[in-house]
Amino acid sequence: MRTIPSISDLFKKLDEVILTEFIPAITNGAQCNELERSLMSLPTKLGGLGIPIFSEISNLEYQNSVKITSTLKKCIINQERQISTTIHPEYESPYIIRKKIKNDKQKMYQENMAYYHSRQR
């Protein structure tokens, strides 16, 4: 999902199997609704089970992969031996990009968690 664009439809069958077979297998046969499934997709540190909904995250994961490898791609095209943001200020450090992606995901998870909790009331 990080290497092929626009494949979210291909993950729908996997998501269906997770919902109808895997989750009942780990919850002693209990079925879950859409809200519960969304909560299960949250990271464990936010109270979820960390079971992603692949069809929902695949496009974002691809975009993040493109972002984080953009500097490396430029270096390969330009035949440079190392990533140098001092020589090329237009190159953004992969570490900075990774940190931004991590912060963006955390913000998304926090917003999703707040939304799910507001729907439970």
N, C-alpha and C. Protein backbone atom coordinates (compact mmCIF):
# COMPACT_ATOMS: atom_id res chain seq x y z
N MET A 1 0.82 -1.19 0.00
CA MET A 1 0.00 0.00 0.00
C MET A 1 0.86 1.26 0.00
N ARG A 2 2.12 1.12 0.36
CA ARG A 2 3.01 2.28 0.35
C ARG A 2 3.70 2.46 -1.00
N THR A 3 3.58 1.48 -1.88
CA THR A 3 4.31 1.54 -3.14
C THR A 3 3.43 1.65 -4.37
N ILE A 4 2.14 1.39 -4.24
CA ILE A 4 1.24 1.42 -5.39
C ILE A 4 0.12 2.42 -5.09
N PRO A 5 -0.07 3.41 -5.96
CA PRO A 5 -1.11 4.41 -5.70
C PRO A 5 -2.52 3.88 -5.99
N SER A 6 -3.48 4.46 -5.32
CA SER A 6 -4.91 4.23 -5.59
C SER A 6 -5.33 2.76 -5.56
N ILE A 7 -4.98 2.06 -4.52
CA ILE A 7 -5.36 0.65 -4.44
C ILE A 7 -6.31 0.38 -3.28
N SER A 8 -6.95 1.41 -2.78
CA SER A 8 -7.81 1.23 -1.61
C SER A 8 -8.93 0.23 -1.87
N ASP A 9 -9.46 0.18 -3.09
CA ASP A 9 -10.53 -0.78 -3.39
C ASP A 9 -10.05 -2.22 -3.25
N LEU A 10 -8.77 -2.46 -3.51
CA LEU A 10 -8.24 -3.81 -3.41
C LEU A 10 -8.16 -4.30 -1.96
N PHE A 11 -8.17 -3.38 -1.02
CA PHE A 11 -8.09 -3.75 0.40
C PHE A 11 -9.46 -3.97 1.04
N LYS A 12 -10.52 -3.69 0.31
CA LYS A 12 -11.86 -3.85 0.90
C LYS A 12 -12.16 -5.29 1.28
N LYS A 13 -11.72 -6.24 0.48
CA LYS A 13 -11.94 -7.66 0.80
C LYS A 13 -11.18 -8.03 2.08
N LEU A 14 -9.95 -7.56 2.21
CA LEU A 14 -9.18 -7.82 3.43
C LEU A 14 -9.88 -7.22 4.64
N ASP A 15 -10.36 -5.98 4.51
CA ASP A 15 -11.08 -5.34 5.61
C ASP A 15 -12.34 -6.12 5.98
N GLU A 16 -13.01 -6.66 4.98
CA GLU A 16 -14.22 -7.45 5.23
C GLU A 16 -13.88 -8.73 6.00
N VAL A 17 -12.79 -9.39 5.62
CA VAL A 17 -12.37 -10.62 6.32
C VAL A 17 -11.97 -10.29 7.76
N ILE A 18 -11.28 -9.19 7.95
CA ILE A 18 -10.91 -8.78 9.31
C ILE A 18 -12.16 -8.56 10.14
N LEU A 19 -13.15 -7.89 9.56
CA LEU A 19 -14.38 -7.56 10.27
C LEU A 19 -15.23 -8.80 10.56
N THR A 20 -15.35 -9.69 9.59
CA THR A 20 -16.28 -10.81 9.73
C THR A 20 -15.65 -12.08 10.30
N GLU A 21 -14.32 -12.22 10.19
CA GLU A 21 -13.69 -13.45 10.66
C GLU A 21 -12.65 -13.22 11.76
N PHE A 22 -11.74 -12.29 11.53
CA PHE A 22 -10.64 -12.11 12.49
C PHE A 22 -11.13 -11.54 13.81
N ILE A 23 -11.87 -10.45 13.75
CA ILE A 23 -12.33 -9.81 15.00
C ILE A 23 -13.23 -10.75 15.80
N PRO A 24 -14.20 -11.43 15.18
CA PRO A 24 -14.97 -12.40 15.97
C PRO A 24 -14.09 -13.52 16.55
N ALA A 25 -13.03 -13.89 15.85
CA ALA A 25 -12.15 -14.95 16.35
C ALA A 25 -11.40 -14.51 17.61
N ILE A 26 -11.08 -13.23 17.71
CA ILE A 26 -10.33 -12.77 18.89
C ILE A 26 -11.24 -12.21 19.99
N THR A 27 -12.55 -12.08 19.68
CA THR A 27 -13.49 -11.54 20.67
C THR A 27 -14.54 -12.56 21.07
N ASN A 28 -14.19 -13.83 20.93
CA ASN A 28 -15.10 -14.91 21.33
C ASN A 28 -16.43 -14.87 20.58
N GLY A 29 -16.36 -14.53 19.28
CA GLY A 29 -17.55 -14.55 18.42
C GLY A 29 -18.33 -13.26 18.35
N ALA A 30 -17.94 -12.24 19.08
CA ALA A 30 -18.69 -10.98 19.08
C ALA A 30 -18.50 -10.23 17.75
N GLN A 31 -19.59 -9.75 17.21
CA GLN A 31 -19.55 -8.92 16.00
C GLN A 31 -19.42 -7.46 16.45
N CYS A 32 -18.83 -6.63 15.61
CA CYS A 32 -18.71 -5.22 15.98
C CYS A 32 -19.36 -4.35 14.91
N ASN A 33 -19.83 -3.19 15.34
CA ASN A 33 -20.43 -2.25 14.40
C ASN A 33 -19.34 -1.33 13.83
N GLU A 34 -19.74 -0.41 13.00
CA GLU A 34 -18.79 0.48 12.32
C GLU A 34 -18.00 1.34 13.31
N LEU A 35 -18.66 1.85 14.31
CA LEU A 35 -18.00 2.68 15.31
C LEU A 35 -16.97 1.88 16.09
N GLU A 36 -17.35 0.68 16.52
CA GLU A 36 -16.42 -0.17 17.27
C GLU A 36 -15.23 -0.56 16.40
N ARG A 37 -15.48 -0.83 15.13
CA ARG A 37 -14.39 -1.18 14.21
C ARG A 37 -13.43 -0.01 14.07
N SER A 38 -13.97 1.20 13.98
CA SER A 38 -13.13 2.39 13.89
C SER A 38 -12.30 2.58 15.15
N LEU A 39 -12.89 2.33 16.29
CA LEU A 39 -12.15 2.43 17.55
C LEU A 39 -11.03 1.40 17.61
N MET A 40 -11.28 0.21 17.08
CA MET A 40 -10.25 -0.83 17.07
C MET A 40 -9.07 -0.45 16.18
N SER A 41 -9.31 0.44 15.23
CA SER A 41 -8.23 0.84 14.32
C SER A 41 -7.27 1.85 14.96
N LEU A 42 -7.67 2.43 16.08
CA LEU A 42 -6.79 3.38 16.77
C LEU A 42 -5.58 2.65 17.34
N PRO A 43 -4.46 3.35 17.50
CA PRO A 43 -3.29 2.74 18.15
C PRO A 43 -3.62 2.33 19.58
N THR A 44 -2.89 1.37 20.08
CA THR A 44 -3.15 0.88 21.44
C THR A 44 -2.97 1.97 22.49
N LYS A 45 -2.05 2.89 22.27
CA LYS A 45 -1.83 3.93 23.26
C LYS A 45 -3.00 4.91 23.35
N LEU A 46 -3.92 4.83 22.36
CA LEU A 46 -5.12 5.66 22.40
C LEU A 46 -6.36 4.82 22.69
N GLY A 47 -6.15 3.58 23.13
CA GLY A 47 -7.27 2.74 23.52
C GLY A 47 -7.79 1.81 22.44
N GLY A 48 -7.16 1.80 21.27
CA GLY A 48 -7.59 0.90 20.20
C GLY A 48 -6.81 -0.40 20.24
N LEU A 49 -7.00 -1.19 19.21
CA LEU A 49 -6.26 -2.45 19.10
C LEU A 49 -5.18 -2.38 18.03
N GLY A 50 -5.10 -1.26 17.33
CA GLY A 50 -4.08 -1.10 16.29
C GLY A 50 -4.34 -1.98 15.07
N ILE A 51 -5.60 -2.33 14.82
CA ILE A 51 -5.96 -3.12 13.63
C ILE A 51 -6.47 -2.13 12.59
N PRO A 52 -5.62 -1.75 11.64
CA PRO A 52 -6.01 -0.70 10.71
C PRO A 52 -7.14 -1.10 9.77
N ILE A 53 -7.82 -0.10 9.27
CA ILE A 53 -8.79 -0.30 8.19
C ILE A 53 -8.03 0.05 6.92
N PHE A 54 -7.48 -0.95 6.28
CA PHE A 54 -6.53 -0.77 5.20
C PHE A 54 -7.08 0.03 4.03
N SER A 55 -8.34 -0.16 3.69
CA SER A 55 -8.91 0.59 2.56
C SER A 55 -9.01 2.08 2.86
N GLU A 56 -9.04 2.44 4.13
CA GLU A 56 -9.12 3.86 4.50
C GLU A 56 -7.74 4.52 4.60
N ILE A 57 -6.71 3.75 4.92
CA ILE A 57 -5.40 4.37 5.14
C ILE A 57 -4.43 4.19 3.97
N SER A 58 -4.78 3.37 3.00
CA SER A 58 -3.81 3.04 1.95
C SER A 58 -3.36 4.26 1.14
N ASN A 59 -4.29 5.15 0.79
CA ASN A 59 -3.90 6.33 0.01
C ASN A 59 -3.00 7.26 0.82
N LEU A 60 -3.31 7.44 2.09
CA LEU A 60 -2.48 8.27 2.97
C LEU A 60 -1.09 7.66 3.14
N GLU A 61 -1.03 6.35 3.32
CA GLU A 61 0.26 5.69 3.47
C GLU A 61 1.11 5.83 2.20
N TYR A 62 0.47 5.76 1.04
CA TYR A 62 1.21 5.96 -0.21
C TYR A 62 1.75 7.38 -0.29
N GLN A 63 0.91 8.36 0.02
CA GLN A 63 1.35 9.76 -0.02
C GLN A 63 2.50 10.01 0.96
N ASN A 64 2.41 9.42 2.15
CA ASN A 64 3.50 9.56 3.13
C ASN A 64 4.78 8.93 2.61
N SER A 65 4.68 7.80 1.95
CA SER A 65 5.85 7.14 1.39
C SER A 65 6.50 8.00 0.32
N VAL A 66 5.68 8.61 -0.51
CA VAL A 66 6.21 9.50 -1.55
C VAL A 66 6.94 10.69 -0.91
N LYS A 67 6.34 11.25 0.13
CA LYS A 67 6.97 12.39 0.83
C LYS A 67 8.32 12.01 1.42
N ILE A 68 8.35 10.90 2.12
CA ILE A 68 9.57 10.55 2.86
C ILE A 68 10.70 10.11 1.93
N THR A 69 10.37 9.63 0.75
CA THR A 69 11.41 9.20 -0.19
C THR A 69 11.74 10.25 -1.24
N SER A 70 11.10 11.41 -1.18
CA SER A 70 11.31 12.43 -2.21
C SER A 70 12.76 12.93 -2.25
N THR A 71 13.36 13.15 -1.11
CA THR A 71 14.74 13.61 -1.08
C THR A 71 15.68 12.53 -1.61
N LEU A 72 15.46 11.30 -1.20
CA LEU A 72 16.27 10.19 -1.69
C LEU A 72 16.14 10.06 -3.21
N LYS A 73 14.93 10.21 -3.69
CA LYS A 73 14.68 10.15 -5.15
C LYS A 73 15.48 11.23 -5.87
N LYS A 74 15.47 12.45 -5.33
CA LYS A 74 16.24 13.55 -5.94
C LYS A 74 17.73 13.22 -5.95
N CYS A 75 18.22 12.66 -4.85
CA CYS A 75 19.64 12.31 -4.78
C CYS A 75 20.00 11.23 -5.80
N ILE A 76 19.14 10.26 -5.96
CA ILE A 76 19.40 9.20 -6.94
C ILE A 76 19.40 9.77 -8.36
N ILE A 77 18.42 10.60 -8.66
CA ILE A 77 18.34 11.20 -10.00
C ILE A 77 19.57 12.06 -10.28
N ASN A 78 20.02 12.80 -9.27
CA ASN A 78 21.18 13.68 -9.44
C ASN A 78 22.51 12.96 -9.21
N GLN A 79 22.46 11.66 -8.94
CA GLN A 79 23.64 10.83 -8.73
C GLN A 79 24.53 11.37 -7.60
N GLU A 80 23.90 11.76 -6.51
CA GLU A 80 24.64 12.26 -5.35
C GLU A 80 24.90 11.11 -4.38
N ARG A 81 26.05 11.17 -3.72
CA ARG A 81 26.44 10.09 -2.82
C ARG A 81 25.81 10.19 -1.44
N GLN A 82 25.40 11.38 -1.05
CA GLN A 82 24.79 11.54 0.27
C GLN A 82 23.71 12.61 0.21
N ILE A 83 22.81 12.52 1.17
CA ILE A 83 21.74 13.51 1.27
C ILE A 83 22.32 14.70 2.03
N SER A 84 22.40 15.82 1.35
CA SER A 84 22.98 17.00 1.97
C SER A 84 22.00 18.16 1.87
N THR A 85 21.39 18.50 3.00
CA THR A 85 20.47 19.62 3.01
C THR A 85 21.22 20.95 3.08
N THR A 86 22.51 20.91 3.38
CA THR A 86 23.29 22.15 3.40
C THR A 86 23.67 22.54 1.97
N ILE A 87 24.02 21.56 1.16
CA ILE A 87 24.35 21.84 -0.24
C ILE A 87 23.08 22.15 -1.03
N HIS A 88 22.02 21.41 -0.72
CA HIS A 88 20.74 21.59 -1.41
C HIS A 88 19.67 21.95 -0.38
N PRO A 89 19.48 23.24 -0.11
CA PRO A 89 18.49 23.62 0.90
C PRO A 89 17.06 23.24 0.51
N GLU A 90 16.83 22.96 -0.78
CA GLU A 90 15.49 22.55 -1.20
C GLU A 90 15.19 21.10 -0.79
N TYR A 91 16.23 20.34 -0.43
CA TYR A 91 16.03 18.98 0.06
C TYR A 91 15.58 19.04 1.52
N GLU A 92 14.56 18.34 1.82
CA GLU A 92 14.10 18.29 3.21
C GLU A 92 14.58 16.98 3.83
N SER A 93 15.10 17.06 5.01
CA SER A 93 15.63 15.89 5.69
C SER A 93 14.54 14.83 5.87
N PRO A 94 14.85 13.58 5.53
CA PRO A 94 13.87 12.50 5.75
C PRO A 94 13.44 12.39 7.21
N TYR A 95 14.34 12.72 8.13
CA TYR A 95 14.01 12.66 9.55
C TYR A 95 12.96 13.71 9.92
N ILE A 96 13.07 14.89 9.33
CA ILE A 96 12.08 15.95 9.58
C ILE A 96 10.75 15.56 8.96
N ILE A 97 10.79 15.02 7.76
CA ILE A 97 9.56 14.57 7.09
C ILE A 97 8.89 13.48 7.93
N ARG A 98 9.66 12.51 8.40
CA ARG A 98 9.11 11.42 9.22
C ARG A 98 8.46 11.97 10.49
N LYS A 99 9.10 12.97 11.10
CA LYS A 99 8.54 13.57 12.31
C LYS A 99 7.22 14.28 12.00
N LYS A 100 7.17 14.99 10.87
CA LYS A 100 5.93 15.66 10.48
C LYS A 100 4.82 14.65 10.23
N ILE A 101 5.15 13.56 9.55
CA ILE A 101 4.16 12.51 9.27
C ILE A 101 3.65 11.92 10.58
N LYS A 102 4.56 11.64 11.49
CA LYS A 102 4.17 11.08 12.80
C LYS A 102 3.25 12.04 13.54
N ASN A 103 3.59 13.33 13.53
CA ASN A 103 2.74 14.33 14.20
C ASN A 103 1.38 14.44 13.53
N ASP A 104 1.35 14.39 12.19
CA ASP A 104 0.08 14.46 11.46
C ASP A 104 -0.80 13.25 11.78
N LYS A 105 -0.18 12.06 11.86
CA LYS A 105 -0.95 10.86 12.19
C LYS A 105 -1.50 10.96 13.61
N GLN A 106 -0.67 11.42 14.53
CA GLN A 106 -1.11 11.55 15.92
C GLN A 106 -2.29 12.51 16.01
N LYS A 107 -2.20 13.61 15.28
CA LYS A 107 -3.30 14.59 15.28
C LYS A 107 -4.56 13.96 14.69
N MET A 108 -4.42 13.20 13.60
CA MET A 108 -5.55 12.53 12.97
C MET A 108 -6.19 11.54 13.94
N TYR A 109 -5.36 10.75 14.63
CA TYR A 109 -5.88 9.78 15.59
C TYR A 109 -6.61 10.48 16.74
N GLN A 110 -6.06 11.58 17.22
CA GLN A 110 -6.70 12.32 18.32
C GLN A 110 -8.06 12.87 17.87
N GLU A 111 -8.11 13.41 16.64
CA GLU A 111 -9.37 13.93 16.11
C GLU A 111 -10.39 12.80 15.93
N ASN A 112 -9.93 11.67 15.41
CA ASN A 112 -10.82 10.52 15.25
C ASN A 112 -11.34 10.04 16.59
N MET A 113 -10.47 9.97 17.58
CA MET A 113 -10.86 9.52 18.90
C MET A 113 -11.92 10.45 19.49
N ALA A 114 -11.71 11.75 19.36
CA ALA A 114 -12.69 12.72 19.87
C ALA A 114 -14.03 12.57 19.16
N TYR A 115 -13.98 12.35 17.84
CA TYR A 115 -15.20 12.16 17.06
C TYR A 115 -15.93 10.90 17.51
N TYR A 116 -15.21 9.80 17.68
CA TYR A 116 -15.84 8.54 18.08
C TYR A 116 -16.47 8.66 19.46
N HIS A 117 -15.77 9.32 20.37
CA HIS A 117 -16.31 9.47 21.71
C HIS A 117 -17.55 10.37 21.71
N SER A 118 -17.58 11.37 20.84
CA SER A 118 -18.75 12.23 20.77
C SER A 118 -19.95 11.48 20.20
N ARG A 119 -19.72 10.50 19.35
CA ARG A 119 -20.81 9.71 18.77
C ARG A 119 -21.36 8.68 19.75
N GLN A 120 -20.57 8.31 20.74
CA GLN A 120 -21.02 7.31 21.70
C GLN A 120 -22.01 7.88 22.71
N ARG A 121 -22.03 9.15 22.87
CA ARG A 121 -22.89 9.77 23.90
C ARG A 121 -24.32 9.83 23.46
